[in-house]
Amino acid sequence: MTEKKYTTVSIPIPLAKKIKKRMEGTGFTSISSYVTYVLRQVISSIEEEEQQEGFSKEDEEKVKERLRALGYLD
C-alpha cells in the first residue's frame, strides 16, 4: 500500500467561507477535497491549452484571472 503525502496550504478565511458555500450540494465533504478538485481542473485546462497552441500572453492572463478569482493571487 502506498502512503499518500500531503502538504498544508493556507487560504484566507473569507475565501474558505465562499468555498464552503460553493460546496453545498456537491457531495464534497471538506474544503481540501473541493480545492484539490478545482485545482486539478484548472491545471488540466492549462495543460490542454499548452498542448493545443502553446502558451500565449493572453492565455497567461486568463490563468492569472482564474487564480485571482480563486483567491490565490492578489
PDB file of N, CA and C in Angstrom:
ATOM      1  N   MET A   1       0.846  -1.188   0.000  1.00  0.00           N
ATOM      2  CA  MET A   1       0.000   0.000   0.000  1.00  0.00           C
ATOM      3  C   MET A   1       0.885   1.242   0.000  1.00  0.00           C
ATOM      4  N   THR A   2       0.639   2.163  -0.921  1.00  0.00           N
ATOM      5  CA  THR A   2       1.423   3.390  -0.964  1.00  0.00           C
ATOM      6  C   THR A   2       0.772   4.444  -0.099  1.00  0.00           C
ATOM      7  N   GLU A   3       1.607   5.140   0.614  1.00  0.00           N
ATOM      8  CA  GLU A   3       1.120   6.200   1.502  1.00  0.00           C
ATOM      9  C   GLU A   3       0.981   7.494   0.717  1.00  0.00           C
ATOM     10  N   LYS A   4      -0.181   8.147   0.842  1.00  0.00           N
ATOM     11  CA  LYS A   4      -0.374   9.429   0.184  1.00  0.00           C
ATOM     12  C   LYS A   4       0.291  10.497   1.022  1.00  0.00           C
ATOM     13  N   LYS A   5       0.953  11.407   0.342  1.00  0.00           N
ATOM     14  CA  LYS A   5       1.620  12.504   1.026  1.00  0.00           C
ATOM     15  C   LYS A   5       0.892  13.794   0.702  1.00  0.00           C
ATOM     16  N   TYR A   6       0.745  14.639   1.699  1.00  0.00           N
ATOM     17  CA  TYR A   6       0.022  15.895   1.543  1.00  0.00           C
ATOM     18  C   TYR A   6       0.854  17.047   2.084  1.00  0.00           C
ATOM     19  N   THR A   7       0.471  18.225   1.689  1.00  0.00           N
ATOM     20  CA  THR A   7       1.051  19.447   2.213  1.00  0.00           C
ATOM     21  C   THR A   7      -0.101  20.317   2.712  1.00  0.00           C
ATOM     22  N   THR A   8       0.212  21.289   3.497  1.00  0.00           N
ATOM     23  CA  THR A   8      -0.810  22.197   4.009  1.00  0.00           C
ATOM     24  C   THR A   8      -0.714  23.513   3.268  1.00  0.00           C
ATOM     25  N   VAL A   9      -1.861  24.013   2.840  1.00  0.00           N
ATOM     26  CA  VAL A   9      -1.940  25.304   2.167  1.00  0.00           C
ATOM     27  C   VAL A   9      -2.913  26.162   2.958  1.00  0.00           C
ATOM     28  N   SER A  10      -2.508  27.360   3.279  1.00  0.00           N
ATOM     29  CA  SER A  10      -3.382  28.282   3.998  1.00  0.00           C
ATOM     30  C   SER A  10      -4.104  29.187   3.016  1.00  0.00           C
ATOM     31  N   ILE A  11      -5.382  29.397   3.284  1.00  0.00           N
ATOM     32  CA  ILE A  11      -6.159  30.321   2.472  1.00  0.00           C
ATOM     33  C   ILE A  11      -6.876  31.288   3.409  1.00  0.00           C
ATOM     34  N   PRO A  12      -7.173  32.476   2.919  1.00  0.00           N
ATOM     35  CA  PRO A  12      -7.867  33.450   3.767  1.00  0.00           C
ATOM     36  C   PRO A  12      -9.235  32.924   4.209  1.00  0.00           C
ATOM     37  N   ILE A  13      -9.639  33.247   5.429  1.00  0.00           N
ATOM     38  CA  ILE A  13     -10.916  32.794   5.976  1.00  0.00           C
ATOM     39  C   ILE A  13     -12.093  33.226   5.100  1.00  0.00           C
ATOM     40  N   PRO A  14     -12.134  34.476   4.604  1.00  0.00           N
ATOM     41  CA  PRO A  14     -13.265  34.844   3.735  1.00  0.00           C
ATOM     42  C   PRO A  14     -13.373  33.937   2.498  1.00  0.00           C
ATOM     43  N   LEU A  15     -12.234  33.538   1.938  1.00  0.00           N
ATOM     44  CA  LEU A  15     -12.244  32.636   0.793  1.00  0.00           C
ATOM     45  C   LEU A  15     -12.749  31.259   1.212  1.00  0.00           C
ATOM     46  N   ALA A  16     -12.331  30.783   2.373  1.00  0.00           N
ATOM     47  CA  ALA A  16     -12.793  29.484   2.870  1.00  0.00           C
ATOM     48  C   ALA A  16     -14.312  29.489   3.034  1.00  0.00           C
ATOM     49  N   LYS A  17     -14.859  30.596   3.499  1.00  0.00           N
ATOM     50  CA  LYS A  17     -16.317  30.702   3.657  1.00  0.00           C
ATOM     51  C   LYS A  17     -17.021  30.644   2.300  1.00  0.00           C
ATOM     52  N   LYS A  18     -16.439  31.310   1.301  1.00  0.00           N
ATOM     53  CA  LYS A  18     -17.010  31.270  -0.045  1.00  0.00           C
ATOM     54  C   LYS A  18     -16.962  29.846  -0.603  1.00  0.00           C
ATOM     55  N   ILE A  19     -15.857  29.165  -0.345  1.00  0.00           N
ATOM     56  CA  ILE A  19     -15.710  27.786  -0.823  1.00  0.00           C
ATOM     57  C   ILE A  19     -16.761  26.897  -0.174  1.00  0.00           C
ATOM     58  N   LYS A  20     -16.971  27.061   1.137  1.00  0.00           N
ATOM     59  CA  LYS A  20     -17.991  26.256   1.829  1.00  0.00           C
ATOM     60  C   LYS A  20     -19.365  26.447   1.199  1.00  0.00           C
ATOM     61  N   LYS A  21     -19.684  27.688   0.841  1.00  0.00           N
ATOM     62  CA  LYS A  21     -20.977  27.951   0.194  1.00  0.00           C
ATOM     63  C   LYS A  21     -21.055  27.256  -1.161  1.00  0.00           C
ATOM     64  N   ARG A  22     -19.973  27.310  -1.926  1.00  0.00           N
ATOM     65  CA  ARG A  22     -19.946  26.670  -3.244  1.00  0.00           C
ATOM     66  C   ARG A  22     -20.029  25.157  -3.142  1.00  0.00           C
ATOM     67  N   MET A  23     -19.554  24.597  -2.038  1.00  0.00           N
ATOM     68  CA  MET A  23     -19.541  23.149  -1.847  1.00  0.00           C
ATOM     69  C   MET A  23     -20.930  22.586  -1.580  1.00  0.00           C
ATOM     70  N   GLU A  24     -21.847  23.410  -1.111  1.00  0.00           N
ATOM     71  CA  GLU A  24     -23.176  22.931  -0.735  1.00  0.00           C
ATOM     72  C   GLU A  24     -23.824  22.179  -1.887  1.00  0.00           C
ATOM     73  N   GLY A  25     -24.271  20.968  -1.588  1.00  0.00           N
ATOM     74  CA  GLY A  25     -24.951  20.152  -2.575  1.00  0.00           C
ATOM     75  C   GLY A  25     -24.052  19.461  -3.579  1.00  0.00           C
ATOM     76  N   THR A  26     -22.731  19.573  -3.414  1.00  0.00           N
ATOM     77  CA  THR A  26     -21.809  18.973  -4.385  1.00  0.00           C
ATOM     78  C   THR A  26     -21.367  17.570  -3.993  1.00  0.00           C
ATOM     79  N   GLY A  27     -21.502  17.222  -2.729  1.00  0.00           N
ATOM     80  CA  GLY A  27     -21.014  15.923  -2.277  1.00  0.00           C
ATOM     81  C   GLY A  27     -19.613  15.996  -1.698  1.00  0.00           C
ATOM     82  N   PHE A  28     -18.947  17.144  -1.850  1.00  0.00           N
ATOM     83  CA  PHE A  28     -17.629  17.302  -1.239  1.00  0.00           C
ATOM     84  C   PHE A  28     -17.814  17.455   0.268  1.00  0.00           C
ATOM     85  N   THR A  29     -16.931  16.807   1.028  1.00  0.00           N
ATOM     86  CA  THR A  29     -17.068  16.823   2.485  1.00  0.00           C
ATOM     87  C   THR A  29     -16.028  17.694   3.174  1.00  0.00           C
ATOM     88  N   SER A  30     -15.072  18.198   2.411  1.00  0.00           N
ATOM     89  CA  SER A  30     -14.055  19.062   3.021  1.00  0.00           C
ATOM     90  C   SER A  30     -13.597  20.112   2.022  1.00  0.00           C
ATOM     91  N   ILE A  31     -13.146  21.218   2.565  1.00  0.00           N
ATOM     92  CA  ILE A  31     -12.590  22.273   1.716  1.00  0.00           C
ATOM     93  C   ILE A  31     -11.390  21.730   0.943  1.00  0.00           C
ATOM     94  N   SER A  32     -10.563  20.939   1.608  1.00  0.00           N
ATOM     95  CA  SER A  32      -9.374  20.380   0.946  1.00  0.00           C
ATOM     96  C   SER A  32      -9.736  19.574  -0.294  1.00  0.00           C
ATOM     97  N   SER A  33     -10.741  18.710  -0.181  1.00  0.00           N
ATOM     98  CA  SER A  33     -11.105  17.886  -1.333  1.00  0.00           C
ATOM     99  C   SER A  33     -11.678  18.736  -2.460  1.00  0.00           C
ATOM    100  N   TYR A  34     -12.457  19.755  -2.114  1.00  0.00           N
ATOM    101  CA  TYR A  34     -13.026  20.642  -3.130  1.00  0.00           C
ATOM    102  C   TYR A  34     -11.927  21.445  -3.829  1.00  0.00           C
ATOM    103  N   VAL A  35     -11.026  22.035  -3.047  1.00  0.00           N
ATOM    104  CA  VAL A  35      -9.938  22.834  -3.628  1.00  0.00           C
ATOM    105  C   VAL A  35      -9.040  21.957  -4.488  1.00  0.00           C
ATOM    106  N   THR A  36      -8.770  20.733  -4.051  1.00  0.00           N
ATOM    107  CA  THR A  36      -7.960  19.810  -4.849  1.00  0.00           C
ATOM    108  C   THR A  36      -8.628  19.556  -6.193  1.00  0.00           C
ATOM    109  N   TYR A  37      -9.937  19.315  -6.173  1.00  0.00           N
ATOM    110  CA  TYR A  37     -10.687  19.092  -7.405  1.00  0.00           C
ATOM    111  C   TYR A  37     -10.588  20.307  -8.334  1.00  0.00           C
ATOM    112  N   VAL A  38     -10.841  21.493  -7.789  1.00  0.00           N
ATOM    113  CA  VAL A  38     -10.813  22.713  -8.594  1.00  0.00           C
ATOM    114  C   VAL A  38      -9.423  22.932  -9.193  1.00  0.00           C
ATOM    115  N   LEU A  39      -8.392  22.776  -8.391  1.00  0.00           N
ATOM    116  CA  LEU A  39      -7.031  22.984  -8.900  1.00  0.00           C
ATOM    117  C   LEU A  39      -6.672  21.964  -9.972  1.00  0.00           C
ATOM    118  N   ARG A  40      -7.115  20.729  -9.804  1.00  0.00           N
ATOM    119  CA  ARG A  40      -6.865  19.726 -10.853  1.00  0.00           C
ATOM    120  C   ARG A  40      -7.536  20.140 -12.155  1.00  0.00           C
ATOM    121  N   GLN A  41      -8.765  20.670 -12.057  1.00  0.00           N
ATOM    122  CA  GLN A  41      -9.477  21.123 -13.254  1.00  0.00           C
ATOM    123  C   GLN A  41      -8.743  22.287 -13.921  1.00  0.00           C
ATOM    124  N   VAL A  42      -8.290  23.233 -13.124  1.00  0.00           N
ATOM    125  CA  VAL A  42      -7.575  24.395 -13.663  1.00  0.00           C
ATOM    126  C   VAL A  42      -6.286  23.952 -14.337  1.00  0.00           C
ATOM    127  N   ILE A  43      -5.526  23.106 -13.669  1.00  0.00           N
ATOM    128  CA  ILE A  43      -4.248  22.642 -14.225  1.00  0.00           C
ATOM    129  C   ILE A  43      -4.478  21.833 -15.490  1.00  0.00           C
ATOM    130  N   SER A  44      -5.494  20.974 -15.485  1.00  0.00           N
ATOM    131  CA  SER A  44      -5.818  20.185 -16.672  1.00  0.00           C
ATOM    132  C   SER A  44      -6.164  21.100 -17.842  1.00  0.00           C
ATOM    133  N   SER A  45      -6.947  22.130 -17.578  1.00  0.00           N
ATOM    134  CA  SER A  45      -7.317  23.084 -18.616  1.00  0.00           C
ATOM    135  C   SER A  45      -6.087  23.808 -19.161  1.00  0.00           C
ATOM    136  N   ILE A  46      -5.205  24.203 -18.281  1.00  0.00           N
ATOM    137  CA  ILE A  46      -3.975  24.886 -18.684  1.00  0.00           C
ATOM    138  C   ILE A  46      -3.127  23.969 -19.554  1.00  0.00           C
ATOM    139  N   GLU A  47      -2.985  22.719 -19.126  1.00  0.00           N
ATOM    140  CA  GLU A  47      -2.164  21.771 -19.886  1.00  0.00           C
ATOM    141  C   GLU A  47      -2.746  21.515 -21.265  1.00  0.00           C
ATOM    142  N   GLU A  48      -4.076  21.429 -21.355  1.00  0.00           N
ATOM    143  CA  GLU A  48      -4.718  21.253 -22.665  1.00  0.00           C
ATOM    144  C   GLU A  48      -4.429  22.437 -23.574  1.00  0.00           C
ATOM    145  N   GLU A  49      -4.544  23.638 -23.039  1.00  0.00           N
ATOM    146  CA  GLU A  49      -4.276  24.835 -23.835  1.00  0.00           C
ATOM    147  C   GLU A  49      -2.827  24.866 -24.297  1.00  0.00           C
ATOM    148  N   GLU A  50      -1.918  24.503 -23.428  1.00  0.00           N
ATOM    149  CA  GLU A  50      -0.496  24.499 -23.787  1.00  0.00           C
ATOM    150  C   GLU A  50      -0.219  23.515 -24.912  1.00  0.00           C
ATOM    151  N   GLN A  51      -0.843  22.351 -24.853  1.00  0.00           N
ATOM    152  CA  GLN A  51      -0.609  21.335 -25.878  1.00  0.00           C
ATOM    153  C   GLN A  51      -1.209  21.741 -27.210  1.00  0.00           C
ATOM    154  N   GLN A  52      -2.314  22.469 -27.173  1.00  0.00           N
ATOM    155  CA  GLN A  52      -3.000  22.839 -28.405  1.00  0.00           C
ATOM    156  C   GLN A  52      -2.272  23.915 -29.194  1.00  0.00           C
ATOM    157  N   GLU A  53      -1.786  24.942 -28.530  1.00  0.00           N
ATOM    158  CA  GLU A  53      -1.231  26.059 -29.288  1.00  0.00           C
ATOM    159  C   GLU A  53      -0.098  26.777 -28.580  1.00  0.00           C
ATOM    160  N   GLY A  54       0.458  26.188 -27.584  1.00  0.00           N
ATOM    161  CA  GLY A  54       1.472  26.897 -26.823  1.00  0.00           C
ATOM    162  C   GLY A  54       0.798  27.782 -25.786  1.00  0.00           C
ATOM    163  N   PHE A  55       1.554  28.610 -25.155  1.00  0.00           N
ATOM    164  CA  PHE A  55       1.048  29.421 -24.060  1.00  0.00           C
ATOM    165  C   PHE A  55       1.261  30.883 -24.398  1.00  0.00           C
ATOM    166  N   SER A  56       0.211  31.524 -24.910  1.00  0.00           N
ATOM    167  CA  SER A  56       0.319  32.924 -25.315  1.00  0.00           C
ATOM    168  C   SER A  56       0.183  33.845 -24.109  1.00  0.00           C
ATOM    169  N   LYS A  57       0.466  35.102 -24.326  1.00  0.00           N
ATOM    170  CA  LYS A  57       0.313  36.114 -23.276  1.00  0.00           C
ATOM    171  C   LYS A  57      -1.149  36.182 -22.835  1.00  0.00           C
ATOM    172  N   GLU A  58      -2.061  36.052 -23.793  1.00  0.00           N
ATOM    173  CA  GLU A  58      -3.492  36.074 -23.478  1.00  0.00           C
ATOM    174  C   GLU A  58      -3.875  34.886 -22.581  1.00  0.00           C
ATOM    175  N   ASP A  59      -3.334  33.701 -22.903  1.00  0.00           N
ATOM    176  CA  ASP A  59      -3.594  32.521 -22.075  1.00  0.00           C
ATOM    177  C   ASP A  59      -3.069  32.720 -20.657  1.00  0.00           C
ATOM    178  N   GLU A  60      -1.896  33.312 -20.555  1.00  0.00           N
ATOM    179  CA  GLU A  60      -1.308  33.562 -19.241  1.00  0.00           C
ATOM    180  C   GLU A  60      -2.220  34.479 -18.419  1.00  0.00           C
ATOM    181  N   GLU A  61      -2.777  35.484 -19.042  1.00  0.00           N
ATOM    182  CA  GLU A  61      -3.681  36.397 -18.340  1.00  0.00           C
ATOM    183  C   GLU A  61      -4.959  35.691 -17.895  1.00  0.00           C
ATOM    184  N   LYS A  62      -5.482  34.787 -18.730  1.00  0.00           N
ATOM    185  CA  LYS A  62      -6.671  34.017 -18.361  1.00  0.00           C
ATOM    186  C   LYS A  62      -6.404  33.176 -17.115  1.00  0.00           C
ATOM    187  N   VAL A  63      -5.245  32.531 -17.081  1.00  0.00           N
ATOM    188  CA  VAL A  63      -4.883  31.695 -15.937  1.00  0.00           C
ATOM    189  C   VAL A  63      -4.750  32.553 -14.687  1.00  0.00           C
ATOM    190  N   LYS A  64      -4.095  33.692 -14.826  1.00  0.00           N
ATOM    191  CA  LYS A  64      -3.945  34.588 -13.682  1.00  0.00           C
ATOM    192  C   LYS A  64      -5.302  35.042 -13.161  1.00  0.00           C
ATOM    193  N   GLU A  65      -6.231  35.347 -14.068  1.00  0.00           N
ATOM    194  CA  GLU A  65      -7.570  35.763 -13.650  1.00  0.00           C
ATOM    195  C   GLU A  65      -8.297  34.637 -12.920  1.00  0.00           C
ATOM    196  N   ARG A  66      -8.129  33.417 -13.400  1.00  0.00           N
ATOM    197  CA  ARG A  66      -8.743  32.265 -12.716  1.00  0.00           C
ATOM    198  C   ARG A  66      -8.189  32.125 -11.310  1.00  0.00           C
ATOM    199  N   LEU A  67      -6.878  32.242 -11.191  1.00  0.00           N
ATOM    200  CA  LEU A  67      -6.249  32.104  -9.875  1.00  0.00           C
ATOM    201  C   LEU A  67      -6.632  33.257  -8.950  1.00  0.00           C
ATOM    202  N   ARG A  68      -6.779  34.458  -9.511  1.00  0.00           N
ATOM    203  CA  ARG A  68      -7.243  35.597  -8.698  1.00  0.00           C
ATOM    204  C   ARG A  68      -8.662  35.334  -8.194  1.00  0.00           C
ATOM    205  N   ALA A  69      -9.511  34.830  -9.067  1.00  0.00           N
ATOM    206  CA  ALA A  69     -10.900  34.534  -8.705  1.00  0.00           C
ATOM    207  C   ALA A  69     -10.969  33.477  -7.592  1.00  0.00           C
ATOM    208  N   LEU A  70      -9.995  32.585  -7.586  1.00  0.00           N
ATOM    209  CA  LEU A  70      -9.942  31.570  -6.533  1.00  0.00           C
ATOM    210  C   LEU A  70      -9.256  32.069  -5.281  1.00  0.00           C
ATOM    211  N   GLY A  71      -8.678  33.274  -5.345  1.00  0.00           N
ATOM    212  CA  GLY A  71      -8.041  33.860  -4.174  1.00  0.00           C
ATOM    213  C   GLY A  71      -6.578  33.505  -4.003  1.00  0.00           C
ATOM    214  N   TYR A  72      -5.948  32.926  -5.036  1.00  0.00           N
ATOM    215  CA  TYR A  72      -4.549  32.528  -4.923  1.00  0.00           C
ATOM    216  C   TYR A  72      -3.579  33.605  -5.367  1.00  0.00           C
ATOM    217  N   LEU A  73      -4.072  34.613  -6.065  1.00  0.00           N
ATOM    218  CA  LEU A  73      -3.234  35.744  -6.458  1.00  0.00           C
ATOM    219  C   LEU A  73      -3.916  37.026  -6.030  1.00  0.00           C
ATOM    220  N   ASP A  74      -3.122  38.003  -5.662  1.00  0.00           N
ATOM    221  CA  ASP A  74      -3.681  39.325  -5.291  1.00  0.00           C
ATOM    222  C   ASP A  74      -3.737  40.226  -6.485  1.00  0.00           C
TER     223      ASP A  74
END
